[in-house]
Amino acid sequence: MTRAIALLATPTVSISGAACTSTGPESGDEIEVAGVVGFHEEPAPFEALDTVDAGQTFTVSVRTWGGVCVGRGPTRVNRDGSTVRIEPIDIEVVAEVCTAGLARFLHTADVTLDSPGTAALRVVGRRLPGDEVVTLVRILVAR
């Protein structure tokens, strides 16, 4: 199986004359998708301490929703000053038919805040139905 990388994967179709050729993922391909951190009106559980020690590593966890054709993928962490962006990624297997089934996947990220002060943890994923980008935010204090 091949692995294509895209946060919100959308197949692309090229039209040339009367013939169509798919340049997107094909059945059986695995693609990375932003994890589902909101399902209907329910946000995903997002756990982090309110207060941490500067220079000490702590763990942030979030659960995503998946199913028969979607499994847990990596968790990406990016820091920009006092903002930490956490992106839970899941792996979707492209299939013509995917049977119903709901699963939960635990994503964890180790985070270290170097200096005292406040910081924003931002978990970025998507909400279903609607496939909209959603951000869960938690403010914490590093002492």
Protein backbone atom coordinates (compact mmCIF):
# COMPACT_ATOMS: atom_id res chain seq x y z
CA MET A 1 0.00 0.00 0.00
CA THR A 2 1.18 3.52 -0.66
CA ARG A 3 0.89 6.37 1.78
CA ALA A 4 -0.15 9.85 0.63
CA ILE A 5 0.16 12.73 3.08
CA ALA A 6 -2.59 15.33 3.40
CA LEU A 7 -4.34 16.84 6.40
CA LEU A 8 -7.73 16.76 4.76
CA ALA A 9 -7.42 14.35 1.90
CA THR A 10 -9.46 15.05 -1.19
CA PRO A 11 -9.08 13.08 -4.40
CA THR A 12 -8.10 15.15 -7.42
CA VAL A 13 -9.50 14.40 -10.88
CA SER A 14 -7.90 15.64 -14.09
CA ILE A 15 -10.11 16.02 -17.13
CA SER A 16 -8.43 15.88 -20.51
CA GLY A 17 -10.71 15.74 -23.52
CA ALA A 18 -13.28 12.95 -23.02
CA ALA A 19 -11.17 10.79 -20.69
CA CYS A 20 -10.86 11.06 -16.90
CA THR A 21 -7.78 10.01 -14.98
CA SER A 22 -7.66 9.89 -11.19
CA THR A 23 -4.50 11.36 -9.70
CA GLY A 24 -5.73 10.99 -6.11
CA PRO A 25 -5.61 8.08 -3.72
CA GLU A 26 -6.95 4.75 -4.97
CA SER A 27 -8.81 2.01 -3.13
CA GLY A 28 -6.50 0.40 -0.59
CA ASP A 29 -4.22 3.45 -0.26
CA GLU A 30 -3.54 4.79 3.24
CA ILE A 31 -3.75 8.54 3.70
CA GLU A 32 -3.07 10.72 6.72
CA VAL A 33 -6.06 12.80 7.81
CA ALA A 34 -6.55 15.27 10.65
CA GLY A 35 -8.00 13.35 13.59
CA VAL A 36 -11.67 13.82 14.43
CA VAL A 37 -11.66 15.81 17.70
CA GLY A 38 -15.35 16.74 17.53
CA PHE A 39 -18.19 14.37 16.78
CA HIS A 40 -21.53 16.14 16.36
CA GLU A 41 -21.53 18.60 19.27
CA GLU A 42 -19.30 16.54 21.56
CA PRO A 43 -15.63 17.60 21.75
CA ALA A 44 -12.96 14.97 22.24
CA PRO A 45 -11.56 14.49 25.74
CA PHE A 46 -8.45 16.66 25.98
CA GLU A 47 -6.29 16.19 29.07
CA ALA A 48 -3.44 18.38 30.27
CA LEU A 49 -2.29 19.79 33.58
CA ASP A 50 -3.34 23.34 34.49
CA THR A 51 0.05 24.12 36.06
CA VAL A 52 3.43 22.65 35.11
CA ASP A 53 7.06 23.21 36.08
CA ALA A 54 9.10 25.10 33.48
CA GLY A 55 11.74 22.83 31.96
CA GLN A 56 9.88 19.63 32.94
CA THR A 57 8.23 17.42 30.33
CA PHE A 58 4.52 16.69 30.75
CA THR A 59 2.04 14.71 28.68
CA VAL A 60 -0.99 16.04 26.81
CA SER A 61 -3.57 13.55 25.59
CA VAL A 62 -6.56 13.74 23.27
CA ARG A 63 -8.84 11.07 21.91
CA THR A 64 -9.98 11.00 18.31
CA TRP A 65 -12.89 9.16 16.73
CA GLY A 66 -12.25 6.64 14.00
CA GLY A 67 -13.73 3.42 12.74
CA VAL A 68 -13.33 0.44 10.49
CA CYS A 69 -11.48 2.34 7.73
CA VAL A 70 -9.71 4.83 10.03
CA GLY A 71 -6.97 3.93 12.51
CA ARG A 72 -4.66 5.87 14.84
CA GLY A 73 -1.73 7.66 13.29
CA PRO A 74 1.05 9.90 14.65
CA THR A 75 0.68 12.96 16.87
CA ARG A 76 2.54 16.06 15.70
CA VAL A 77 3.70 18.81 18.04
CA ASN A 78 4.90 22.28 16.99
CA ARG A 79 5.88 25.13 19.28
CA ASP A 80 5.83 28.82 18.48
CA GLY A 81 6.79 30.84 21.55
CA SER A 82 4.17 30.21 24.23
CA THR A 83 1.77 28.39 21.89
CA VAL A 84 1.94 24.63 21.47
CA ARG A 85 0.04 23.18 18.51
CA ILE A 86 -0.86 19.50 18.77
CA GLU A 87 -2.19 17.71 15.68
CA PRO A 88 -3.54 14.19 16.16
CA ILE A 89 -3.30 12.45 12.79
CA ASP A 90 -5.23 9.32 11.86
CA ILE A 91 -4.75 6.91 8.96
CA GLU A 92 -7.66 6.36 6.59
CA VAL A 93 -7.73 3.40 4.25
CA VAL A 94 -9.42 4.46 1.02
CA ALA A 95 -12.29 2.06 0.36
CA GLU A 96 -15.34 2.02 -1.87
CA VAL A 97 -17.45 0.79 1.05
CA CYS A 98 -16.64 1.14 4.72
CA THR A 99 -18.89 -0.58 7.24
CA ALA A 100 -20.16 1.34 10.25
CA GLY A 101 -18.14 1.13 13.40
CA LEU A 102 -16.94 3.72 15.89
CA ALA A 103 -13.59 3.53 17.66
CA ARG A 104 -11.61 5.90 19.91
CA PHE A 105 -7.87 6.43 19.60
CA LEU A 106 -5.59 7.88 22.27
CA HIS A 107 -3.02 10.39 21.02
CA THR A 108 -0.34 11.63 23.42
CA ALA A 109 2.30 14.32 23.10
CA ASP A 110 5.21 15.11 25.39
CA VAL A 111 5.58 18.86 25.86
CA THR A 112 8.19 20.97 27.66
CA LEU A 113 7.76 24.67 28.36
CA ASP A 114 11.19 26.21 28.84
CA SER A 115 10.26 29.39 30.72
CA PRO A 116 7.73 30.41 33.36
CA GLY A 117 4.54 32.13 32.22
CA THR A 118 1.27 31.24 30.53
CA ALA A 119 1.05 29.04 27.48
CA ALA A 120 -1.73 28.00 25.11
CA LEU A 121 -2.18 24.38 24.12
CA ARG A 122 -4.07 24.16 20.82
CA VAL A 123 -5.30 20.77 19.61
CA VAL A 124 -6.19 21.07 15.92
CA GLY A 125 -8.34 18.46 14.20
CA ARG A 126 -11.72 18.25 12.53
CA ARG A 127 -15.38 17.85 13.45
CA LEU A 128 -17.83 15.42 11.86
CA PRO A 129 -20.31 15.63 10.33
CA GLY A 130 -19.37 18.58 8.17
CA ASP A 131 -15.60 17.94 8.07
CA GLU A 132 -14.80 21.38 9.50
CA VAL A 133 -11.49 22.34 11.13
CA VAL A 134 -11.81 22.73 14.88
CA THR A 135 -9.34 23.86 17.56
CA LEU A 136 -9.54 22.89 21.24
CA VAL A 137 -7.69 25.34 23.50
CA ARG A 138 -6.38 25.04 27.04
CA ILE A 139 -4.40 27.77 28.82
CA LEU A 140 -1.86 26.60 31.39
CA VAL A 141 0.75 28.13 33.66
CA ALA A 142 4.42 27.17 33.74
CA ARG A 143 6.06 28.09 37.06
